[in-house]
Amino acid sequence: MSTAVLLVLAACGSKDGAGGAAGGGSGDAASAGAAAPAAPQGEDSVAAALQSQGTPLATVRFTLPERPLAGRPFPLQLTFASPQGTGLQAWLESDDLVVVPDSVALEFAAPGTPITQELTLMAKEPGITELAVKIAAAESAAQTVYSVPVLVQAEAPAP
């Protein structure tokens, strides 16, 4: 998980070239169990860390468009891709984050075509936390689990 956290720290809120290089899916991310890219890699997109065994039902990448601050809602974009194409559901869980929505039906236009879902998250306390993304197929017991680390910062005091 430490490699994934470092990737998030490097990519979180960065709009310059430095953040994109860190989140570009280097060999380090692949060796840490990160999933293959779900879509062409955007400058700020980071592969979620695969936590389950076997062939993944889908791949997941994420983007934090802004720095997460404790006590304030912030967006998280998840990009999914699957060779299966239909019949997948994702559940989103965290002990430390409020997640809206907490589940999404994954309906792909065509197998392998990525889709993006935007979530709204909120953390009460600053620190490192994680979002579990559980993907399951309707017709089987197979499940793929990913971890998305999130660094939540303390809100800066008003001047």
Protein backbone atom coordinates (compact mmCIF):
# COMPACT_ATOMS: atom_id res chain seq x y z
CA MET A 1 0.00 0.00 0.00
CA SER A 2 2.92 2.37 0.60
CA THR A 3 3.70 2.58 -3.13
CA ALA A 4 0.06 3.39 -3.91
CA VAL A 5 0.05 6.08 -1.22
CA LEU A 6 3.17 7.63 -2.72
CA LEU A 7 1.50 7.66 -6.14
CA VAL A 8 -1.52 9.43 -4.71
CA LEU A 9 0.64 11.98 -2.92
CA ALA A 10 2.53 12.71 -6.13
CA ALA A 11 -0.58 12.96 -8.32
CA CYS A 12 -3.06 14.54 -5.90
CA GLY A 13 -3.97 18.03 -7.02
CA SER A 14 -0.98 18.31 -9.32
CA LYS A 15 -1.66 19.88 -12.68
CA ASP A 16 1.97 20.24 -13.77
CA GLY A 17 4.15 17.67 -15.49
CA ALA A 18 5.65 16.37 -12.24
CA GLY A 19 2.39 14.86 -10.94
CA GLY A 20 1.66 13.15 -14.23
CA ALA A 21 5.03 11.46 -14.33
CA ALA A 22 4.57 9.97 -10.88
CA GLY A 23 1.12 8.59 -11.63
CA GLY A 24 1.98 7.28 -15.07
CA GLY A 25 1.88 3.58 -14.19
CA SER A 26 5.62 2.89 -13.97
CA GLY A 27 7.06 -0.51 -13.23
CA ASP A 28 6.94 0.29 -9.50
CA ALA A 29 3.14 0.45 -9.54
CA ALA A 30 2.91 -2.79 -11.50
CA SER A 31 5.22 -4.59 -9.08
CA ALA A 32 3.10 -3.40 -6.13
CA GLY A 33 0.03 -5.24 -7.43
CA ALA A 34 -1.54 -2.24 -9.16
CA ALA A 35 -4.02 -2.94 -11.90
CA ALA A 36 -3.32 -2.42 -15.56
CA PRO A 37 -4.57 0.88 -16.93
CA ALA A 38 -8.31 1.02 -17.58
CA ALA A 39 -8.01 3.78 -20.14
CA PRO A 40 -5.34 5.79 -21.85
CA GLN A 41 -3.40 7.25 -18.98
CA GLY A 42 -4.34 10.84 -18.28
CA GLU A 43 -1.86 13.12 -16.62
CA ASP A 44 -3.44 12.69 -13.18
CA SER A 45 -4.86 9.16 -13.43
CA VAL A 46 -3.44 6.54 -11.06
CA ALA A 47 -4.04 2.78 -11.10
CA ALA A 48 -5.91 1.48 -8.05
CA ALA A 49 -4.08 -1.28 -6.15
CA LEU A 50 -5.47 -4.75 -6.85
CA GLN A 51 -6.17 -6.54 -3.54
CA SER A 52 -7.73 -9.81 -4.72
CA GLN A 53 -6.40 -12.94 -6.40
CA GLY A 54 -7.24 -14.19 -9.87
CA THR A 55 -8.16 -12.48 -13.10
CA PRO A 56 -9.75 -9.08 -12.44
CA LEU A 57 -13.33 -8.58 -13.62
CA ALA A 58 -12.43 -4.96 -14.42
CA THR A 59 -9.56 -2.54 -14.02
CA VAL A 60 -9.82 0.67 -12.00
CA ARG A 61 -7.98 3.99 -12.25
CA PHE A 62 -8.70 7.06 -10.16
CA THR A 63 -8.24 10.81 -10.23
CA LEU A 64 -8.48 13.33 -7.41
CA PRO A 65 -9.23 16.63 -9.17
CA GLU A 66 -8.62 18.62 -5.97
CA ARG A 67 -6.83 18.18 -2.67
CA PRO A 68 -9.03 16.43 -0.09
CA LEU A 69 -9.60 18.54 3.05
CA ALA A 70 -11.06 17.17 6.29
CA GLY A 71 -14.67 18.21 6.84
CA ARG A 72 -15.26 19.23 3.20
CA PRO A 73 -16.75 17.17 0.36
CA PHE A 74 -14.34 16.44 -2.49
CA PRO A 75 -14.70 14.64 -5.84
CA LEU A 76 -13.05 11.36 -6.81
CA GLN A 77 -13.30 10.03 -10.35
CA LEU A 78 -13.10 6.28 -10.92
CA THR A 79 -12.50 4.94 -14.43
CA PHE A 80 -13.48 1.31 -15.02
CA ALA A 81 -12.76 -0.94 -18.01
CA SER A 82 -13.75 -4.56 -18.48
CA PRO A 83 -13.55 -7.15 -21.24
CA GLN A 84 -16.91 -8.45 -19.96
CA GLY A 85 -18.87 -5.32 -20.85
CA THR A 86 -22.11 -5.79 -18.86
CA GLY A 87 -23.55 -7.20 -15.68
CA LEU A 88 -21.01 -5.74 -13.26
CA GLN A 89 -21.70 -3.84 -10.05
CA ALA A 90 -19.21 -1.87 -7.92
CA TRP A 91 -19.59 -1.28 -4.18
CA LEU A 92 -17.59 1.49 -2.54
CA GLU A 93 -16.70 1.18 1.15
CA SER A 94 -14.55 3.00 3.68
CA ASP A 95 -14.37 3.11 7.47
CA ASP A 96 -13.22 6.75 7.45
CA LEU A 97 -14.94 8.30 4.43
CA VAL A 98 -18.54 9.13 3.62
CA VAL A 99 -19.01 7.91 0.02
CA VAL A 100 -21.84 9.02 -2.31
CA PRO A 101 -22.97 6.97 -4.15
CA ASP A 102 -21.92 3.80 -2.36
CA SER A 103 -22.62 1.53 -5.34
CA VAL A 104 -22.77 1.87 -9.12
CA ALA A 105 -23.94 -0.37 -11.95
CA LEU A 106 -21.16 -0.69 -14.52
CA GLU A 107 -22.75 -0.69 -17.96
CA PHE A 108 -20.12 -0.41 -20.67
CA ALA A 109 -21.02 0.72 -24.22
CA ALA A 110 -18.76 -2.06 -25.53
CA PRO A 111 -16.32 -4.51 -23.93
CA GLY A 112 -13.04 -2.76 -23.15
CA THR A 113 -14.54 0.73 -23.46
CA PRO A 114 -13.84 2.66 -20.25
CA ILE A 115 -16.50 4.48 -18.24
CA THR A 116 -15.97 7.11 -15.57
CA GLN A 117 -18.02 7.55 -12.42
CA GLU A 118 -17.67 10.62 -10.21
CA LEU A 119 -18.09 10.14 -6.48
CA THR A 120 -18.30 12.65 -3.66
CA LEU A 121 -16.27 11.77 -0.58
CA MET A 122 -15.85 13.43 2.80
CA ALA A 123 -13.53 12.66 5.71
CA LYS A 124 -14.03 13.99 9.23
CA GLU A 125 -10.35 13.76 10.17
CA PRO A 126 -7.09 14.42 8.30
CA GLY A 127 -4.80 11.48 7.56
CA ILE A 128 -4.33 8.59 5.17
CA THR A 129 -7.40 6.50 4.55
CA GLU A 130 -8.55 4.14 1.84
CA LEU A 131 -11.56 3.44 -0.28
CA ALA A 132 -12.31 -0.20 -1.10
CA VAL A 133 -13.80 -0.77 -4.56
CA LYS A 134 -15.46 -4.19 -4.81
CA ILE A 135 -16.56 -5.34 -8.26
CA ALA A 136 -18.81 -8.36 -8.74
CA ALA A 137 -20.59 -10.03 -11.64
CA ALA A 138 -24.32 -10.67 -11.32
CA GLU A 139 -24.08 -14.25 -12.59
CA SER A 140 -21.14 -15.49 -10.52
CA ALA A 141 -19.56 -15.34 -7.08
CA ALA A 142 -16.36 -13.88 -8.53
CA GLN A 143 -15.27 -10.60 -6.98
CA THR A 144 -12.39 -8.20 -7.64
CA VAL A 145 -11.26 -5.81 -4.90
CA TYR A 146 -9.18 -2.67 -5.34
CA SER A 147 -7.82 -0.18 -2.84
CA VAL A 148 -7.71 3.57 -3.47
CA PRO A 149 -5.54 5.40 -0.91
CA VAL A 150 -6.56 8.97 -0.07
CA LEU A 151 -4.50 11.54 1.81
CA VAL A 152 -6.87 13.93 3.57
CA GLN A 153 -5.28 17.18 4.71
CA ALA A 154 -6.29 19.36 7.62
CA GLU A 155 -8.15 22.45 6.56
CA ALA A 156 -5.87 25.48 6.68
CA PRO A 157 -6.86 27.99 9.38
CA ALA A 158 -8.47 31.20 8.13
CA PRO A 159 -6.00 34.13 7.99
